[in-house]
Structures are given as C-alpha cells and as structure tokens.
Amino acid sequence: MKTSKLNLWIMLAMSVLLVTSCTPGSEEFVEQSAGFFMGLWHGFISFFTFIISLFSDQVGIYETNNNGALYNLGFILGISIFYGGGTKGTCGRRR
C-alpha cells in the first residue's frame, strides 16, 4: 500500500517536471522563433505555466519570440483542446 502511494507521488512529480520543462520564455527560442507546434504545446500547458509564472519572473505564459499567426493559431487550439473547447455544449440533454 505504501509503495503504491510512493509510486503515485513519484509519477506525479515526474509528470509535472515533464510538462513544465518546455514552458514559454526559455532560452530555446533566442535564435529560432517558436512555430505552430510549440504554440500548440504552450496552449496545452498554459494552466501549469500560469501557476509557475505566479512564483517565477523567468517564465511567461506566452512565447514572445514567435513566428506570428501560426504560433497564435497553435496556442489558441491548444488552449481550446485542453479546456474542452466547444465539446461541453454537446453533452447536455436535449429537450
């Protein structure tokens, strides 16, 4: 029983580390701008990035060095997919 709780905590810590390792504002996009897929990823992890950005000035929610419309499209798609988009409206009962 105790081993399963320990494994759960280890998996949770590894998941948080994996998700937050590619947050916007990192040194990765100094020379190269972020594209569609990084925008999609940053949209997926926007909730976790927001929490981290409350405690750290080095992490932002949005990558400022991006390629424009494609990054924005990926970011919006990532946010809408992660938060449910418009699919929640179809779950209701029809009258």
N, C-alpha and C. Protein backbone atom coordinates (compact mmCIF):
# COMPACT_ATOMS: atom_id res chain seq x y z
N MET A 1 0.82 -1.19 0.00
CA MET A 1 0.00 0.00 0.00
C MET A 1 0.86 1.25 0.00
N LYS A 2 1.89 1.29 0.85
CA LYS A 2 2.76 2.46 0.92
C LYS A 2 3.59 2.61 -0.35
N THR A 3 3.95 1.49 -0.96
CA THR A 3 4.72 1.55 -2.19
C THR A 3 3.90 2.17 -3.31
N SER A 4 2.63 1.86 -3.39
CA SER A 4 1.80 2.42 -4.45
C SER A 4 1.62 3.93 -4.27
N LYS A 5 1.52 4.40 -3.02
CA LYS A 5 1.43 5.84 -2.79
C LYS A 5 2.73 6.54 -3.16
N LEU A 6 3.84 5.91 -2.84
CA LEU A 6 5.14 6.48 -3.20
C LEU A 6 5.29 6.54 -4.72
N ASN A 7 4.89 5.47 -5.39
CA ASN A 7 4.94 5.46 -6.85
C ASN A 7 4.04 6.53 -7.45
N LEU A 8 2.90 6.74 -6.85
CA LEU A 8 1.99 7.78 -7.33
C LEU A 8 2.62 9.16 -7.21
N TRP A 9 3.25 9.44 -6.08
CA TRP A 9 3.91 10.73 -5.87
C TRP A 9 5.08 10.92 -6.83
N ILE A 10 5.83 9.87 -7.06
CA ILE A 10 6.95 9.95 -8.00
C ILE A 10 6.45 10.21 -9.41
N MET A 11 5.40 9.51 -9.81
CA MET A 11 4.83 9.72 -11.15
C MET A 11 4.26 11.13 -11.29
N LEU A 12 3.63 11.63 -10.25
CA LEU A 12 3.09 12.99 -10.27
C LEU A 12 4.21 14.02 -10.41
N ALA A 13 5.27 13.84 -9.65
CA ALA A 13 6.40 14.77 -9.72
C ALA A 13 7.07 14.72 -11.10
N MET A 14 7.21 13.53 -11.65
CA MET A 14 7.82 13.41 -12.98
C MET A 14 6.92 14.02 -14.05
N SER A 15 5.63 13.86 -13.91
CA SER A 15 4.69 14.45 -14.87
C SER A 15 4.74 15.97 -14.84
N VAL A 16 4.77 16.53 -13.65
CA VAL A 16 4.85 17.99 -13.52
C VAL A 16 6.17 18.50 -14.11
N LEU A 17 7.25 17.81 -13.84
CA LEU A 17 8.55 18.20 -14.38
C LEU A 17 8.56 18.11 -15.90
N LEU A 18 7.97 17.06 -16.44
CA LEU A 18 7.91 16.89 -17.89
C LEU A 18 7.07 17.98 -18.54
N VAL A 19 5.93 18.28 -17.95
CA VAL A 19 5.03 19.28 -18.52
C VAL A 19 5.64 20.67 -18.46
N THR A 20 6.31 20.98 -17.38
CA THR A 20 6.81 22.35 -17.19
C THR A 20 8.21 22.56 -17.75
N SER A 21 8.84 21.54 -18.28
CA SER A 21 10.20 21.72 -18.78
C SER A 21 10.24 22.50 -20.09
N CYS A 22 9.17 22.62 -20.78
CA CYS A 22 9.13 23.33 -22.06
C CYS A 22 8.24 24.57 -21.99
N THR A 23 8.31 25.29 -20.91
CA THR A 23 7.46 26.47 -20.74
C THR A 23 7.94 27.62 -21.60
N PRO A 24 7.05 28.54 -21.97
CA PRO A 24 7.45 29.71 -22.74
C PRO A 24 8.41 30.59 -21.94
N GLY A 25 9.26 31.30 -22.66
CA GLY A 25 10.21 32.19 -22.03
C GLY A 25 11.55 31.53 -21.75
N SER A 26 11.74 30.31 -22.26
CA SER A 26 13.02 29.64 -22.03
C SER A 26 14.06 30.15 -23.02
N GLU A 27 15.29 29.73 -22.83
CA GLU A 27 16.40 30.17 -23.69
C GLU A 27 16.37 29.50 -25.06
N GLU A 28 15.48 28.57 -25.27
CA GLU A 28 15.43 27.81 -26.51
C GLU A 28 15.10 28.68 -27.72
N PHE A 29 14.30 29.70 -27.53
CA PHE A 29 13.82 30.49 -28.66
C PHE A 29 14.50 31.85 -28.77
N VAL A 30 15.78 31.91 -28.47
CA VAL A 30 16.52 33.15 -28.64
C VAL A 30 16.90 33.33 -30.10
N GLU A 31 17.42 32.28 -30.72
CA GLU A 31 17.85 32.36 -32.12
C GLU A 31 16.74 31.96 -33.08
N GLN A 32 15.92 31.02 -32.71
CA GLN A 32 14.87 30.50 -33.58
C GLN A 32 13.52 30.81 -32.96
N SER A 33 12.57 31.22 -33.80
CA SER A 33 11.25 31.58 -33.28
C SER A 33 10.37 30.34 -33.11
N ALA A 34 9.43 30.43 -32.19
CA ALA A 34 8.51 29.33 -31.91
C ALA A 34 7.46 29.25 -33.01
N GLY A 35 7.12 28.05 -33.43
CA GLY A 35 6.16 27.85 -34.50
C GLY A 35 4.83 27.29 -34.03
N PHE A 36 4.12 26.65 -34.96
CA PHE A 36 2.78 26.15 -34.69
C PHE A 36 2.77 25.11 -33.57
N PHE A 37 3.65 24.12 -33.65
CA PHE A 37 3.60 23.03 -32.69
C PHE A 37 4.02 23.47 -31.29
N MET A 38 4.94 24.41 -31.20
CA MET A 38 5.27 24.94 -29.87
C MET A 38 4.11 25.78 -29.34
N GLY A 39 3.40 26.48 -30.20
CA GLY A 39 2.21 27.20 -29.77
C GLY A 39 1.14 26.24 -29.27
N LEU A 40 0.99 25.12 -29.96
CA LEU A 40 0.04 24.09 -29.53
C LEU A 40 0.44 23.55 -28.15
N TRP A 41 1.72 23.26 -27.98
CA TRP A 41 2.20 22.75 -26.70
C TRP A 41 2.04 23.78 -25.59
N HIS A 42 2.36 25.04 -25.88
CA HIS A 42 2.22 26.08 -24.87
C HIS A 42 0.76 26.31 -24.51
N GLY A 43 -0.15 26.08 -25.46
CA GLY A 43 -1.57 26.15 -25.14
C GLY A 43 -2.01 25.01 -24.23
N PHE A 44 -1.47 23.81 -24.49
CA PHE A 44 -1.79 22.66 -23.64
C PHE A 44 -1.35 22.89 -22.20
N ILE A 45 -0.17 23.43 -22.01
CA ILE A 45 0.38 23.55 -20.65
C ILE A 45 0.14 24.94 -20.06
N SER A 46 -0.78 25.70 -20.62
CA SER A 46 -1.00 27.08 -20.17
C SER A 46 -1.43 27.16 -18.70
N PHE A 47 -2.21 26.22 -18.23
CA PHE A 47 -2.64 26.25 -16.83
C PHE A 47 -1.45 26.09 -15.89
N PHE A 48 -0.60 25.09 -16.18
CA PHE A 48 0.57 24.85 -15.34
C PHE A 48 1.56 26.00 -15.44
N THR A 49 1.70 26.56 -16.64
CA THR A 49 2.60 27.69 -16.83
C THR A 49 2.11 28.91 -16.06
N PHE A 50 0.81 29.10 -16.01
CA PHE A 50 0.27 30.22 -15.25
C PHE A 50 0.61 30.10 -13.77
N ILE A 51 0.45 28.90 -13.23
CA ILE A 51 0.76 28.67 -11.82
C ILE A 51 2.24 28.94 -11.55
N ILE A 52 3.10 28.47 -12.42
CA ILE A 52 4.54 28.68 -12.25
C ILE A 52 4.89 30.15 -12.40
N SER A 53 4.23 30.85 -13.32
CA SER A 53 4.55 32.26 -13.56
C SER A 53 4.17 33.15 -12.37
N LEU A 54 3.29 32.67 -11.51
CA LEU A 54 2.97 33.43 -10.31
C LEU A 54 4.15 33.49 -9.34
N PHE A 55 5.01 32.47 -9.39
CA PHE A 55 6.13 32.38 -8.46
C PHE A 55 7.48 32.67 -9.09
N SER A 56 7.55 32.75 -10.42
CA SER A 56 8.82 32.96 -11.10
C SER A 56 8.68 34.04 -12.16
N ASP A 57 9.64 34.96 -12.19
CA ASP A 57 9.62 36.02 -13.19
C ASP A 57 10.24 35.58 -14.52
N GLN A 58 10.90 34.43 -14.54
CA GLN A 58 11.57 33.96 -15.74
C GLN A 58 10.65 33.18 -16.67
N VAL A 59 9.47 32.82 -16.22
CA VAL A 59 8.54 32.02 -17.01
C VAL A 59 7.35 32.87 -17.38
N GLY A 60 7.02 32.86 -18.67
CA GLY A 60 5.84 33.57 -19.14
C GLY A 60 4.82 32.59 -19.67
N ILE A 61 3.62 33.05 -19.86
CA ILE A 61 2.56 32.19 -20.37
C ILE A 61 2.66 32.07 -21.89
N TYR A 62 3.15 33.12 -22.53
CA TYR A 62 3.14 33.23 -23.98
C TYR A 62 4.56 33.49 -24.45
N GLU A 63 5.01 32.77 -25.48
CA GLU A 63 6.36 32.98 -26.02
C GLU A 63 6.36 34.22 -26.90
N THR A 64 7.16 35.21 -26.54
CA THR A 64 7.17 36.46 -27.30
C THR A 64 7.96 36.36 -28.60
N ASN A 65 8.93 35.46 -28.66
CA ASN A 65 9.69 35.27 -29.90
C ASN A 65 9.03 34.16 -30.71
N ASN A 66 7.95 34.50 -31.41
CA ASN A 66 7.22 33.50 -32.19
C ASN A 66 7.14 33.95 -33.64
N ASN A 67 6.61 33.08 -34.50
CA ASN A 67 6.55 33.41 -35.92
C ASN A 67 5.22 34.03 -36.33
N GLY A 68 4.41 34.43 -35.41
CA GLY A 68 3.20 35.19 -35.73
C GLY A 68 1.94 34.36 -35.73
N ALA A 69 1.26 34.36 -36.86
CA ALA A 69 -0.08 33.78 -36.95
C ALA A 69 -0.10 32.28 -36.67
N LEU A 70 0.90 31.55 -37.12
CA LEU A 70 0.90 30.10 -36.88
C LEU A 70 1.06 29.77 -35.40
N TYR A 71 1.92 30.49 -34.70
CA TYR A 71 2.06 30.28 -33.26
C TYR A 71 0.76 30.62 -32.55
N ASN A 72 0.16 31.73 -32.93
CA ASN A 72 -1.11 32.13 -32.31
C ASN A 72 -2.19 31.09 -32.55
N LEU A 73 -2.26 30.55 -33.77
CA LEU A 73 -3.24 29.51 -34.08
C LEU A 73 -3.01 28.27 -33.22
N GLY A 74 -1.76 27.84 -33.12
CA GLY A 74 -1.45 26.68 -32.29
C GLY A 74 -1.76 26.92 -30.83
N PHE A 75 -1.47 28.13 -30.35
CA PHE A 75 -1.73 28.47 -28.95
C PHE A 75 -3.22 28.42 -28.65
N ILE A 76 -4.02 29.02 -29.52
CA ILE A 76 -5.48 29.03 -29.32
C ILE A 76 -6.05 27.62 -29.43
N LEU A 77 -5.57 26.82 -30.39
CA LEU A 77 -6.04 25.44 -30.50
C LEU A 77 -5.65 24.63 -29.26
N GLY A 78 -4.44 24.82 -28.76
CA GLY A 78 -4.00 24.11 -27.57
C GLY A 78 -4.84 24.45 -26.36
N ILE A 79 -5.14 25.73 -26.19
CA ILE A 79 -5.99 26.14 -25.07
C ILE A 79 -7.39 25.56 -25.21
N SER A 80 -7.95 25.62 -26.41
CA SER A 80 -9.32 25.13 -26.59
C SER A 80 -9.40 23.61 -26.46
N ILE A 81 -8.39 22.90 -26.88
CA ILE A 81 -8.40 21.44 -26.73
C ILE A 81 -8.24 21.06 -25.26
N PHE A 82 -7.32 21.72 -24.55
CA PHE A 82 -7.08 21.39 -23.15
C PHE A 82 -8.28 21.72 -22.27
N TYR A 83 -8.90 22.85 -22.49
CA TYR A 83 -10.01 23.27 -21.64
C TYR A 83 -11.37 22.79 -22.13
N GLY A 84 -11.44 22.04 -23.19
CA GLY A 84 -12.70 21.45 -23.60
C GLY A 84 -13.32 22.07 -24.82
N GLY A 85 -12.85 23.23 -25.25
CA GLY A 85 -13.37 23.86 -26.45
C GLY A 85 -14.87 24.00 -26.44
N GLY A 86 -15.51 23.58 -27.50
CA GLY A 86 -16.96 23.66 -27.58
C GLY A 86 -17.63 22.32 -27.39
N THR A 87 -16.87 21.30 -27.00
CA THR A 87 -17.45 19.96 -26.88
C THR A 87 -18.34 19.82 -25.66
N LYS A 88 -18.19 20.68 -24.67
CA LYS A 88 -19.02 20.57 -23.47
C LYS A 88 -20.48 20.91 -23.77
N GLY A 89 -20.72 21.70 -24.77
CA GLY A 89 -22.09 22.08 -25.10
C GLY A 89 -22.89 20.93 -25.69
N THR A 90 -22.23 19.94 -26.25
CA THR A 90 -22.94 18.82 -26.84
C THR A 90 -23.29 17.74 -25.83
N CYS A 91 -22.79 17.86 -24.62
CA CYS A 91 -23.04 16.84 -23.60
C CYS A 91 -24.37 17.01 -22.89
N GLY A 92 -25.01 18.13 -23.06
CA GLY A 92 -26.25 18.39 -22.35
C GLY A 92 -27.42 17.59 -22.91
N ARG A 93 -28.48 17.51 -22.15
CA ARG A 93 -29.68 16.80 -22.61
C ARG A 93 -30.45 17.65 -23.59
N ARG A 94 -31.00 16.99 -24.55
CA ARG A 94 -31.86 17.69 -25.50
C ARG A 94 -33.29 17.62 -25.01
N ARG A 95 -33.99 18.69 -25.21
CA ARG A 95 -35.38 18.73 -24.75
C ARG A 95 -36.34 18.38 -25.84
